Each structure stands twice: as C-alpha cells, then as structure tokens.
Amino acid sequence: MAVVDIGSNSVRLVIYEGNTRAPTVLFNEKVLSGLGRGLAQTNRLDDKAVASALSALSRFRALCAQSGVTEIHPIATAAAREATNGPDFVRAAEAAIGCSITILSGADEAHFAAEGVVSGFHAPDGIAGDLGGGSLEIVDVAGGRIGQGVTMPLGGLRLQDLSGNDVAKARAIAESHVIATGFAGVATGRPFFAVGGTWRNLFKLHMEQTGYPLHVMHGYSVKPAAIADFLASVIKADPDKLPGIAAISRSRRALLAFGAVTLQAVITHLKPSEIVLSAYGVREGYLHARLDAAEKAKDPLMESAHELSFLRSRSPRHNEELVEWSSRTFAALGIHETPGEERLRKAACLLTDISWRAHPDYRGRQSMSIIVNANFPAVDHAGRAYLGLANYYRYEGSFDPDSIANMGHVVETRTLTLARILASLFRVTYLLTAAMPGVLERLRWAQDPRGGFTLVIPRDLAGLLGERPEARLQAFAKIIERTLRMEVR
C-alpha cells in the first residue's frame, strides 16, 4: 500500500507493507518541488515546481509498480487546493500517478494530522500542530479523541512569502494567527505534538547541539523554557553557521527560522507543558482513519514488539510465555508497577531474544542499539531506554551506571531499577529454558515458611538445576531484596 503526499513544499512517496496498527515502511522518497513557493504573491503554482512534481509522480508510479503496490492513495494539500491553476495541475498529476487524487481541505488536514498523532502515541492528550509548507493546522486531541481543528496560512514557504523573507514580520503574522485560534485556554499546560518536516529538522538540530544520546525523532520531548534560547539563536543566525547544521540538508535550512518563529508563537500564546515531536502525521493519519475499530484498538507498541519477536527470536512462543511468567513473578514477589510500566515490561519480554545471532561479546550493545533506535510507535524516549536497558543488562549482567552514562538524559533512577529487576529475572529464566518454550508455564512461586519465596521446579525438570541458575537466582534476590530459594517438588 502506498501514500503519495503532494504537499506545498515536498512531494513524497511512502510504501507500507500493509495497513495495520503499526505499519512498516518499505520505501520512502521525497522530492522538494516547492509547489507552494510564491503562491502568496501569484496565486499560481510555479511552472518549474509543477514540472518537478509531475516528474516525481511519474517516477513514484513506476516505483509502486516495481514494488508490487496494489493500493495507491495520493493526497494533495494547501498548494494544489488554493492555486488558481491547481485544477490543471491535479489533472496532470492524476495522469502521472495513474489514479485519482484526494484534495484535502484545511479541516481534513487538521483531522488527519490528529489521527497521525493518535496512531503514533499511546492515548495522547494534548494539541496536535501540523506545520507544512503552506499551512499550519492545530487540533485538540483529548484522551485519543479528535476535536475540532483550525487551519492557518503559516506553513514555512507561505510565511516566508507573506513576510517577504523578513523574520520580524513573520513573527507578527504568526502571533496574530495563533492568538486568533482561541486555543489558548484549551492548550495551556498540555503537550503540544509538533508534526511536519520543518519542525522535525528544527528538533534534529536541537538534538545535535545538545548531544542527545538517542537519534529517534518520534517522541523527542523538550520543555518550552529549555528550547527558548535555541529558537532565538536559529532565528538570528545564518543557518549555514549554526552548530550542528551539517545534520540538516541544505534544502531545508532556509525554512528553519520560520518554523522557529511559528513555534515561538505557539509557546507564547498556547503555553504548552512540553513540545513533543511526532514523526506520524497526515499520511499515517490517513491510513489510520481507514482501519476498522478492532484494529485501531490494538496497542501499536505491542504489535511492533510481536512482529520483531516473530522475525528475530529463537522462539516467539517462549517470549509470550515470558510475558506471562514475569507477570506471575512480579505479582507473587510483590514488585510494584504502574500500568504504564507493566505495558513496557511486556514489550521488553517480547524483545528479549532478538540479538541472539550476534557475537556473545556484542549482544548487549546490539540489543540496546536495535531497541532504542527501532521504529516503534507509542513509546516515549524514557520507555525506549527501559526497553533497551532491560535487554542490555540481560546479556551484560553488570549494572555499572558508567556503562550507560550516555543515556543520562533520558534515564531516571526508577527506570534503571525496573530494568535491572527484569533483566535479572531474564538471566535466571534463560538458564532454565534455553530460550525454548514449555518450561515457564510449569514453574511457580510458593511462600516459604522459613521466610521469603521458593521457586518450585517440577521433578521431571530437576536436571535443569545447577550452580549457575542458583547463583543467578541469588543475584535476582539481592536486587529485589527478597529471600529466594529453588527446590524440586
């Protein structure tokens, strides 16, 4: 399945393996045609931009055929919608791509951007803001439900044109529109989910300048006060001389200041609690809207973890058993979790064996790298750290904080503690199961009259006991501060 997004700045093809709660991208290509450039002055799409877009669409059609795509969903936004020669362009574009194009209204853009946030986060509650080349859409997302949205002519290209490339004028334009939305009271103290390529590149630059340890844009979160000086520096400086600018493509740099100005207006007048970058937007929202209720109800993080478990583990069934076994263990031994922490533990169990093919010396580091950088939806960066650390420690054994010093930006003490507890349980478990199913469902914890708890092993599995499982059980006991024994009964 493919989505072709004909935007005011870029024309993009994304081919997905299929439309599921956690869709996997097979191919992604964009061309910065700049259809919306100059539209504010001429009300027309530039001839060179049109030629670039049509050429890209012809190539995208061939790529879809090459990839075996059976459904193509082309959508067009502000530039094609508003230009006087937009209808002519759309007819030519439909001939190039080989199917009809859906022209999204401003309300449609707002709705699908919000759907994208709903698809990419776990029960999001805040304000979604999608900054494209031609417009900015803002919409309320309350408890995962999508409210009414507004659209404004504040896209990067549009704002650049309206202001005559004057950042001071751009700021005044942005502020007047954001104030007029009426979202101030609704947005105050809630997260603002920033969608769109200009904001994505803005936050990528912020990551580079701060030395942030993860290079995953989705879920990157900053407090407004922490980004104020950065936004001011982007607006004032020559973009080519900004620290870390090598990470941003030259074609994207000119719009950074206008994205920064718009974000300043959002922070000043909507007063969000934090800015959260969403890599999921209109395209993903468009697909999410087409899912049935049963598919939408699934947890996308768990769906992704199940898929990776199936593709890379020795026994996906063993990982499923590990989910149930860890739940029984935490309940029996009185290890407290919040519902959110329980959800992450279950995902960590599904991911725990994905690096078994790596060299033993590197399994821990490979697990950490794969997991924290994976294309997982519906997990924040602290959650990624927990998933990665639980599996890192499962192989490394050592819980030396210096070994994960570069994760200090995202790891809290409780995250480390829970990761150590789960990893220690993994280290006991794998010596009893050899990563194969059929054992864990037969083990149980019993209250020991001598104090503490006993791990009861069935008699026909007595041969699995030994010095190493016992030593790891005692290491687990030390971490959870319980007295633990292992007996055959």
Foldseek 3Di string as FASTA:
>chain_A
DWEWEAEQFKTKIWDWPDQFLATDTPDIDIDGLRQNAPCVPQLAGDPSSLVRNLVVLLVNLVVCVVVVPPDYAYEYEDSLVGRPCSVVSQVSSCVSNVHHYHYAYLQLQLQLQLLQQLSFADQAFAWEWEAAQQWIKIWGQHSNDTDGIDIDRQHLSSLCNVQVNDLVSSLVRLLVVVLVRPQQVVHAAAEYEYHYDLVLVLVQQVCQVVVQPANAQAQDKDFPVVCVVVLVCLQPDDQVPDPPSVVPDPVNSSSNNSVSSNVVSCCVRNVYRMYGYHHTGNVSSVSSVPDDPVRSPDDQQQVVLLVLLVVAAPDLVLLVLLLVLVVQVCVVQVPDDDPVRNVLLSSLSSLQGRQVPDDLVCSLVVQLVCQLHPPGGHAHNLSSNLSSLLNSCLSPVDLPCVVPVSNVVRYDPVSSLVSNLNSLVSNLVCLQAVSHDDFSVQWHWDADPVFFIEIEGEPVSVVSDDDRSQVSVVVSCVSSVTDYYYDYD
